[in-house]
Structures are given as structure tokens and as C-alpha cells.
């Protein structure tokens, strides 16, 4: 099952932004990296469900070495190792 690479961006006051190069509409902001990565699968679910509802192709995940890997429950994916 495909798993999407995530980009983790530290922000101010402990906030962390998680974005997905392959799914640009999926963006998560939370307090701390762990919280952001825990919320990421749900966000991917919602965005990829929107793709499916609009009959848009589900993007293929790219292979970014060293990036955290995040997947969705609905599409048979889960959070993977951080390194």
C-alpha cells in the first residue's frame, strides 16, 4: 500500500506544520511534531476522499529519502517510521 512522504516544518510557539508534496491540499498544523503526525492520516483521508468524489486520480507517492511517511486509514495506510 502506498505511503506519502510528509514535510515537517517547525513554527513559532511550538506549532508544527505538516505538508505533503504529492497532495498539496493536505495541510496539518498542531502543537508539536507528534500531534501533527498523528492528525495527518485523517487529513489525508479527507483530501483523498475529495479526490475520489471528484473522480480525480489519487496521486502516486514520491520517494523522498529520510522524510516521515504518513498514510491514511481509509486508503489502507498508516504512519510509518520517521527516518
PDB file of N, CA and C in Angstrom:
ATOM      1  N   UNK A   1       0.840  -1.181   0.000  1.00  0.00           N
ATOM      2  CA  UNK A   1       0.000   0.000   0.000  1.00  0.00           C
ATOM      3  C   UNK A   1       0.887   1.247   0.000  1.00  0.00           C
ATOM      4  N   UNK A   2       0.572   2.239  -0.805  1.00  0.00           N
ATOM      5  CA  UNK A   2       1.400   3.441  -0.870  1.00  0.00           C
ATOM      6  C   UNK A   2       1.322   4.259   0.420  1.00  0.00           C
ATOM      7  N   UNK A   3       2.407   4.919   0.711  1.00  0.00           N
ATOM      8  CA  UNK A   3       2.523   5.794   1.873  1.00  0.00           C
ATOM      9  C   UNK A   3       3.141   7.099   1.395  1.00  0.00           C
ATOM     10  N   UNK A   4       2.604   8.226   1.859  1.00  0.00           N
ATOM     11  CA  UNK A   4       3.028   9.528   1.361  1.00  0.00           C
ATOM     12  C   UNK A   4       4.102  10.162   2.233  1.00  0.00           C
ATOM     13  N   UNK A   5       5.130  10.749   1.611  1.00  0.00           N
ATOM     14  CA  UNK A   5       6.131  11.476   2.390  1.00  0.00           C
ATOM     15  C   UNK A   5       5.545  12.789   2.888  1.00  0.00           C
ATOM     16  N   UNK A   6       5.930  13.150   4.095  1.00  0.00           N
ATOM     17  CA  UNK A   6       5.454  14.389   4.703  1.00  0.00           C
ATOM     18  C   UNK A   6       6.628  15.333   4.913  1.00  0.00           C
ATOM     19  N   UNK A   7       6.322  16.595   4.866  1.00  0.00           N
ATOM     20  CA  UNK A   7       7.311  17.626   5.161  1.00  0.00           C
ATOM     21  C   UNK A   7       6.921  18.233   6.498  1.00  0.00           C
ATOM     22  N   UNK A   8       7.785  18.150   7.500  1.00  0.00           N
ATOM     23  CA  UNK A   8       7.517  18.666   8.839  1.00  0.00           C
ATOM     24  C   UNK A   8       8.236  20.004   8.981  1.00  0.00           C
ATOM     25  N   UNK A   9       7.460  21.061   9.270  1.00  0.00           N
ATOM     26  CA  UNK A   9       8.010  22.411   9.329  1.00  0.00           C
ATOM     27  C   UNK A   9       7.741  22.993  10.717  1.00  0.00           C
ATOM     28  N   UNK A  10       8.794  23.176  11.536  1.00  0.00           N
ATOM     29  CA  UNK A  10       8.598  23.782  12.852  1.00  0.00           C
ATOM     30  C   UNK A  10       8.191  25.244  12.702  1.00  0.00           C
ATOM     31  N   UNK A  11       7.268  25.658  13.547  1.00  0.00           N
ATOM     32  CA  UNK A  11       6.816  27.039  13.529  1.00  0.00           C
ATOM     33  C   UNK A  11       7.079  27.712  14.860  1.00  0.00           C
ATOM     34  N   UNK A  12       6.416  28.813  15.070  1.00  0.00           N
ATOM     35  CA  UNK A  12       6.575  29.565  16.310  1.00  0.00           C
ATOM     36  C   UNK A  12       5.724  28.965  17.419  1.00  0.00           C
ATOM     37  N   UNK A  13       6.173  29.173  18.644  1.00  0.00           N
ATOM     38  CA  UNK A  13       5.425  28.780  19.837  1.00  0.00           C
ATOM     39  C   UNK A  13       5.057  27.298  19.854  1.00  0.00           C
ATOM     40  N   UNK A  14       5.933  26.449  19.340  1.00  0.00           N
ATOM     41  CA  UNK A  14       5.712  25.007  19.396  1.00  0.00           C
ATOM     42  C   UNK A  14       4.790  24.436  18.338  1.00  0.00           C
ATOM     43  N   UNK A  15       4.260  25.274  17.462  1.00  0.00           N
ATOM     44  CA  UNK A  15       3.390  24.761  16.403  1.00  0.00           C
ATOM     45  C   UNK A  15       4.226  24.092  15.318  1.00  0.00           C
ATOM     46  N   UNK A  16       3.674  23.042  14.750  1.00  0.00           N
ATOM     47  CA  UNK A  16       4.351  22.312  13.677  1.00  0.00           C
ATOM     48  C   UNK A  16       3.384  22.160  12.510  1.00  0.00           C
ATOM     49  N   UNK A  17       3.866  22.448  11.324  1.00  0.00           N
ATOM     50  CA  UNK A  17       3.086  22.317  10.098  1.00  0.00           C
ATOM     51  C   UNK A  17       3.558  21.070   9.369  1.00  0.00           C
ATOM     52  N   UNK A  18       2.611  20.260   8.899  1.00  0.00           N
ATOM     53  CA  UNK A  18       2.935  19.089   8.087  1.00  0.00           C
ATOM     54  C   UNK A  18       2.255  19.270   6.739  1.00  0.00           C
ATOM     55  N   UNK A  19       3.042  19.185   5.674  1.00  0.00           N
ATOM     56  CA  UNK A  19       2.505  19.274   4.320  1.00  0.00           C
ATOM     57  C   UNK A  19       2.927  18.023   3.552  1.00  0.00           C
ATOM     58  N   UNK A  20       2.300  17.824   2.412  1.00  0.00           N
ATOM     59  CA  UNK A  20       2.556  16.644   1.595  1.00  0.00           C
ATOM     60  C   UNK A  20       2.853  17.082   0.169  1.00  0.00           C
ATOM     61  N   UNK A  21       4.087  16.882  -0.312  1.00  0.00           N
ATOM     62  CA  UNK A  21       4.431  17.296  -1.672  1.00  0.00           C
ATOM     63  C   UNK A  21       3.515  16.702  -2.741  1.00  0.00           C
ATOM     64  N   UNK A  22       3.036  15.477  -2.526  1.00  0.00           N
ATOM     65  CA  UNK A  22       2.206  14.805  -3.524  1.00  0.00           C
ATOM     66  C   UNK A  22       0.724  15.157  -3.413  1.00  0.00           C
ATOM     67  N   UNK A  23       0.323  15.691  -2.264  1.00  0.00           N
ATOM     68  CA  UNK A  23      -1.086  16.040  -2.019  1.00  0.00           C
ATOM     69  C   UNK A  23      -1.088  17.445  -1.408  1.00  0.00           C
ATOM     70  N   UNK A  24      -0.899  18.484  -2.226  1.00  0.00           N
ATOM     71  CA  UNK A  24      -0.709  19.835  -1.696  1.00  0.00           C
ATOM     72  C   UNK A  24      -1.890  20.388  -0.899  1.00  0.00           C
ATOM     73  N   UNK A  25      -3.077  19.858  -1.110  1.00  0.00           N
ATOM     74  CA  UNK A  25      -4.237  20.341  -0.358  1.00  0.00           C
ATOM     75  C   UNK A  25      -4.238  19.841   1.088  1.00  0.00           C
ATOM     76  N   UNK A  26      -3.468  18.817   1.381  1.00  0.00           N
ATOM     77  CA  UNK A  26      -3.421  18.233   2.727  1.00  0.00           C
ATOM     78  C   UNK A  26      -2.384  18.974   3.568  1.00  0.00           C
ATOM     79  N   UNK A  27      -2.865  19.720   4.557  1.00  0.00           N
ATOM     80  CA  UNK A  27      -2.005  20.505   5.437  1.00  0.00           C
ATOM     81  C   UNK A  27      -2.486  20.310   6.869  1.00  0.00           C
ATOM     82  N   UNK A  28      -1.554  20.071   7.780  1.00  0.00           N
ATOM     83  CA  UNK A  28      -1.871  19.874   9.192  1.00  0.00           C
ATOM     84  C   UNK A  28      -1.055  20.864  10.006  1.00  0.00           C
ATOM     85  N   UNK A  29      -1.685  21.462  11.012  1.00  0.00           N
ATOM     86  CA  UNK A  29      -0.980  22.314  11.956  1.00  0.00           C
ATOM     87  C   UNK A  29      -1.398  21.866  13.352  1.00  0.00           C
ATOM     88  N   UNK A  30      -0.414  21.603  14.212  1.00  0.00           N
ATOM     89  CA  UNK A  30      -0.715  21.155  15.573  1.00  0.00           C
ATOM     90  C   UNK A  30       0.432  21.557  16.488  1.00  0.00           C
ATOM     91  N   UNK A  31       0.199  21.420  17.791  1.00  0.00           N
ATOM     92  CA  UNK A  31       1.239  21.699  18.774  1.00  0.00           C
ATOM     93  C   UNK A  31       2.151  20.487  18.888  1.00  0.00           C
ATOM     94  N   UNK A  32       3.334  20.575  18.325  1.00  0.00           N
ATOM     95  CA  UNK A  32       4.318  19.508  18.389  1.00  0.00           C
ATOM     96  C   UNK A  32       4.270  18.579  17.195  1.00  0.00           C
ATOM     97  N   UNK A  33       5.441  17.986  16.898  1.00  0.00           N
ATOM     98  CA  UNK A  33       5.565  17.100  15.742  1.00  0.00           C
ATOM     99  C   UNK A  33       4.708  15.852  15.879  1.00  0.00           C
ATOM    100  N   UNK A  34       4.714  15.251  17.063  1.00  0.00           N
ATOM    101  CA  UNK A  34       3.944  14.021  17.253  1.00  0.00           C
ATOM    102  C   UNK A  34       2.455  14.261  17.023  1.00  0.00           C
ATOM    103  N   UNK A  35       1.925  15.340  17.583  1.00  0.00           N
ATOM    104  CA  UNK A  35       0.499  15.645  17.410  1.00  0.00           C
ATOM    105  C   UNK A  35       0.172  15.903  15.944  1.00  0.00           C
ATOM    106  N   UNK A  36       1.049  16.616  15.250  1.00  0.00           N
ATOM    107  CA  UNK A  36       0.807  16.908  13.833  1.00  0.00           C
ATOM    108  C   UNK A  36       0.809  15.628  13.006  1.00  0.00           C
ATOM    109  N   UNK A  37       1.773  14.731  13.268  1.00  0.00           N
ATOM    110  CA  UNK A  37       1.832  13.478  12.513  1.00  0.00           C
ATOM    111  C   UNK A  37       0.679  12.543  12.876  1.00  0.00           C
ATOM    112  N   UNK A  38       0.180  12.627  14.104  1.00  0.00           N
ATOM    113  CA  UNK A  38      -0.976  11.809  14.482  1.00  0.00           C
ATOM    114  C   UNK A  38      -2.242  12.265  13.770  1.00  0.00           C
ATOM    115  N   UNK A  39      -2.366  13.564  13.502  1.00  0.00           N
ATOM    116  CA  UNK A  39      -3.540  14.094  12.803  1.00  0.00           C
ATOM    117  C   UNK A  39      -3.440  13.935  11.290  1.00  0.00           C
ATOM    118  N   UNK A  40      -2.234  13.749  10.785  1.00  0.00           N
ATOM    119  CA  UNK A  40      -2.002  13.710   9.340  1.00  0.00           C
ATOM    120  C   UNK A  40      -2.798  12.638   8.599  1.00  0.00           C
ATOM    121  N   UNK A  41      -2.926  11.403   9.119  1.00  0.00           N
ATOM    122  CA  UNK A  41      -3.700  10.400   8.372  1.00  0.00           C
ATOM    123  C   UNK A  41      -5.153  10.809   8.143  1.00  0.00           C
ATOM    124  N   UNK A  42      -5.765  11.442   9.134  1.00  0.00           N
ATOM    125  CA  UNK A  42      -7.157  11.882   8.978  1.00  0.00           C
ATOM    126  C   UNK A  42      -7.267  12.948   7.890  1.00  0.00           C
ATOM    127  N   UNK A  43      -6.308  13.861   7.873  1.00  0.00           N
ATOM    128  CA  UNK A  43      -6.318  14.910   6.848  1.00  0.00           C
ATOM    129  C   UNK A  43      -6.141  14.295   5.462  1.00  0.00           C
ATOM    130  N   UNK A  44      -5.228  13.343   5.332  1.00  0.00           N
ATOM    131  CA  UNK A  44      -5.070  12.661   4.043  1.00  0.00           C
ATOM    132  C   UNK A  44      -6.354  11.946   3.642  1.00  0.00           C
ATOM    133  N   UNK A  45      -7.025  11.304   4.606  1.00  0.00           N
ATOM    134  CA  UNK A  45      -8.314  10.653   4.323  1.00  0.00           C
ATOM    135  C   UNK A  45      -9.297  11.628   3.697  1.00  0.00           C
ATOM    136  N   UNK A  46      -9.442  12.780   4.331  1.00  0.00           N
ATOM    137  CA  UNK A  46     -10.422  13.767   3.865  1.00  0.00           C
ATOM    138  C   UNK A  46     -10.062  14.268   2.470  1.00  0.00           C
ATOM    139  N   UNK A  47      -8.803  14.631   2.274  1.00  0.00           N
ATOM    140  CA  UNK A  47      -8.394  15.183   0.978  1.00  0.00           C
ATOM    141  C   UNK A  47      -8.488  14.133  -0.126  1.00  0.00           C
ATOM    142  N   UNK A  48      -8.001  12.924   0.138  1.00  0.00           N
ATOM    143  CA  UNK A  48      -8.057  11.883  -0.894  1.00  0.00           C
ATOM    144  C   UNK A  48      -9.493  11.432  -1.161  1.00  0.00           C
ATOM    145  N   UNK A  49     -10.360  11.497  -0.159  1.00  0.00           N
ATOM    146  CA  UNK A  49     -11.782  11.218  -0.381  1.00  0.00           C
ATOM    147  C   UNK A  49     -12.378  12.260  -1.317  1.00  0.00           C
ATOM    148  N   UNK A  50     -11.945  13.507  -1.151  1.00  0.00           N
ATOM    149  CA  UNK A  50     -12.382  14.563  -2.060  1.00  0.00           C
ATOM    150  C   UNK A  50     -11.910  14.312  -3.479  1.00  0.00           C
ATOM    151  N   UNK A  51     -10.677  13.859  -3.636  1.00  0.00           N
ATOM    152  CA  UNK A  51     -10.180  13.493  -4.962  1.00  0.00           C
ATOM    153  C   UNK A  51     -11.096  12.429  -5.576  1.00  0.00           C
ATOM    154  N   UNK A  52     -11.389  11.385  -4.786  1.00  0.00           N
ATOM    155  CA  UNK A  52     -12.216  10.284  -5.292  1.00  0.00           C
ATOM    156  C   UNK A  52     -13.615  10.770  -5.648  1.00  0.00           C
ATOM    157  N   UNK A  53     -14.198  11.624  -4.805  1.00  0.00           N
ATOM    158  CA  UNK A  53     -15.546  12.136  -5.059  1.00  0.00           C
ATOM    159  C   UNK A  53     -15.600  12.966  -6.338  1.00  0.00           C
ATOM    160  N   UNK A  54     -14.501  13.629  -6.659  1.00  0.00           N
ATOM    161  CA  UNK A  54     -14.430  14.448  -7.870  1.00  0.00           C
ATOM    162  C   UNK A  54     -13.876  13.664  -9.063  1.00  0.00           C
ATOM    163  N   UNK A  55     -13.700  12.359  -8.890  1.00  0.00           N
ATOM    164  CA  UNK A  55     -13.156  11.477  -9.931  1.00  0.00           C
ATOM    165  C   UNK A  55     -11.766  11.925 -10.388  1.00  0.00           C
ATOM    166  N   UNK A  56     -11.016  12.529  -9.461  1.00  0.00           N
ATOM    167  CA  UNK A  56      -9.634  12.910  -9.747  1.00  0.00           C
ATOM    168  C   UNK A  56      -8.737  11.721  -9.430  1.00  0.00           C
ATOM    169  N   UNK A  57      -7.665  11.547 -10.145  1.00  0.00           N
ATOM    170  CA  UNK A  57      -6.757  10.435  -9.838  1.00  0.00           C
ATOM    171  C   UNK A  57      -6.075  10.648  -8.484  1.00  0.00           C
ATOM    172  N   UNK A  58      -5.917   9.556  -7.746  1.00  0.00           N
ATOM    173  CA  UNK A  58      -5.194   9.607  -6.481  1.00  0.00           C
ATOM    174  C   UNK A  58      -3.704   9.705  -6.823  1.00  0.00           C
ATOM    175  N   UNK A  59      -3.014  10.724  -6.301  1.00  0.00           N
ATOM    176  CA  UNK A  59      -1.601  10.897  -6.650  1.00  0.00           C
ATOM    177  C   UNK A  59      -0.742   9.722  -6.185  1.00  0.00           C
ATOM    178  N   UNK A  60       0.239   9.388  -6.994  1.00  0.00           N
ATOM    179  CA  UNK A  60       1.224   8.379  -6.608  1.00  0.00           C
ATOM    180  C   UNK A  60       2.191   9.026  -5.618  1.00  0.00           C
ATOM    181  N   UNK A  61       2.536   8.325  -4.552  1.00  0.00           N
ATOM    182  CA  UNK A  61       3.503   8.899  -3.606  1.00  0.00           C
ATOM    183  C   UNK A  61       4.911   8.906  -4.191  1.00  0.00           C
ATOM    184  N   UNK A  62       5.616   9.986  -3.923  1.00  0.00           N
ATOM    185  CA  UNK A  62       7.006  10.057  -4.364  1.00  0.00           C
ATOM    186  C   UNK A  62       7.893   9.391  -3.318  1.00  0.00           C
ATOM    187  N   UNK A  63       9.131   9.166  -3.690  1.00  0.00           N
ATOM    188  CA  UNK A  63      10.087   8.515  -2.797  1.00  0.00           C
ATOM    189  C   UNK A  63      11.095   9.557  -2.342  1.00  0.00           C
ATOM    190  N   UNK A  64      10.848  10.139  -1.172  1.00  0.00           N
ATOM    191  CA  UNK A  64      11.737  11.162  -0.643  1.00  0.00           C
ATOM    192  C   UNK A  64      12.506  10.552   0.519  1.00  0.00           C
ATOM    193  N   UNK A  65      13.765  10.321   0.324  1.00  0.00           N
ATOM    194  CA  UNK A  65      14.609   9.665   1.323  1.00  0.00           C
ATOM    195  C   UNK A  65      14.678  10.494   2.602  1.00  0.00           C
ATOM    196  N   UNK A  66      14.418   9.844   3.730  1.00  0.00           N
ATOM    197  CA  UNK A  66      14.525  10.491   5.028  1.00  0.00           C
ATOM    198  C   UNK A  66      13.291  11.232   5.486  1.00  0.00           C
ATOM    199  N   UNK A  67      12.275  11.346   4.645  1.00  0.00           N
ATOM    200  CA  UNK A  67      11.057  12.066   5.027  1.00  0.00           C
ATOM    201  C   UNK A  67      10.161  11.171   5.872  1.00  0.00           C
ATOM    202  N   UNK A  68       9.447  11.764   6.849  1.00  0.00           N
ATOM    203  CA  UNK A  68       8.438  10.972   7.553  1.00  0.00           C
ATOM    204  C   UNK A  68       7.408  10.477   6.547  1.00  0.00           C
ATOM    205  N   UNK A  69       6.925   9.274   6.733  1.00  0.00           N
ATOM    206  CA  UNK A  69       5.943   8.701   5.824  1.00  0.00           C
ATOM    207  C   UNK A  69       4.605   8.594   6.544  1.00  0.00           C
ATOM    208  N   UNK A  70       3.547   9.100   5.910  1.00  0.00           N
ATOM    209  CA  UNK A  70       2.219   9.119   6.510  1.00  0.00           C
ATOM    210  C   UNK A  70       1.229   8.508   5.537  1.00  0.00           C
ATOM    211  N   UNK A  71       0.306   7.725   6.061  1.00  0.00           N
ATOM    212  CA  UNK A  71      -0.724   7.093   5.251  1.00  0.00           C
ATOM    213  C   UNK A  71      -2.080   7.322   5.887  1.00  0.00           C
ATOM    214  N   UNK A  72      -3.122   6.961   5.142  1.00  0.00           N
ATOM    215  CA  UNK A  72      -4.469   7.142   5.661  1.00  0.00           C
ATOM    216  C   UNK A  72      -5.107   5.806   5.980  1.00  0.00           C
ATOM    217  N   UNK A  73      -6.045   5.834   6.926  1.00  0.00           N
ATOM    218  CA  UNK A  73      -6.781   4.622   7.283  1.00  0.00           C
ATOM    219  C   UNK A  73      -7.724   4.214   6.158  1.00  0.00           C
ATOM    220  N   UNK A  74      -8.428   5.185   5.597  1.00  0.00           N
ATOM    221  CA  UNK A  74      -9.429   4.896   4.577  1.00  0.00           C
ATOM    222  C   UNK A  74      -8.816   4.260   3.333  1.00  0.00           C
ATOM    223  N   UNK A  75      -7.617   4.672   3.017  1.00  0.00           N
ATOM    224  CA  UNK A  75      -6.957   4.155   1.830  1.00  0.00           C
ATOM    225  C   UNK A  75      -5.947   3.072   2.191  1.00  0.00           C
ATOM    226  N   UNK A  76      -6.102   2.483   3.386  1.00  0.00           N
ATOM    227  CA  UNK A  76      -5.276   1.358   3.808  1.00  0.00           C
ATOM    228  C   UNK A  76      -3.853   1.722   4.153  1.00  0.00           C
ATOM    229  N   UNK A  77      -3.656   2.899   4.743  1.00  0.00           N
ATOM    230  CA  UNK A  77      -2.313   3.352   5.064  1.00  0.00           C
ATOM    231  C   UNK A  77      -2.228   3.744   6.533  1.00  0.00           C
ATOM    232  N   UNK A  78      -0.987   3.891   7.036  1.00  0.00           N
ATOM    233  CA  UNK A  78      -0.776   4.285   8.424  1.00  0.00           C
ATOM    234  C   UNK A  78       0.530   5.063   8.550  1.00  0.00           C
ATOM    235  N   UNK A  79       0.780   5.646   9.733  1.00  0.00           N
ATOM    236  CA  UNK A  79       2.016   6.395   9.954  1.00  0.00           C
ATOM    237  C   UNK A  79       3.187   5.427   9.998  1.00  0.00           C
ATOM    238  N   UNK A  80       4.242   5.755   9.285  1.00  0.00           N
ATOM    239  CA  UNK A  80       5.431   4.911   9.258  1.00  0.00           C
ATOM    240  C   UNK A  80       6.563   5.525  10.059  1.00  0.00           C
ATOM    241  N   UNK A  81       7.743   4.944   9.996  1.00  0.00           N
ATOM    242  CA  UNK A  81       8.886   5.448  10.754  1.00  0.00           C
ATOM    243  C   UNK A  81       9.281   6.855  10.321  1.00  0.00           C
ATOM    244  N   UNK A  82       9.847   7.600  11.239  1.00  0.00           N
ATOM    245  CA  UNK A  82      10.235   8.974  10.934  1.00  0.00           C
ATOM    246  C   UNK A  82      11.533   9.061  10.146  1.00  0.00           C
ATOM    247  N   UNK A  83      12.404   8.077  10.229  1.00  0.00           N
ATOM    248  CA  UNK A  83      13.660   8.146   9.473  1.00  0.00           C
ATOM    249  C   UNK A  83      13.868   6.887   8.705  1.00  0.00           C
TER     250      UNK A  83
END
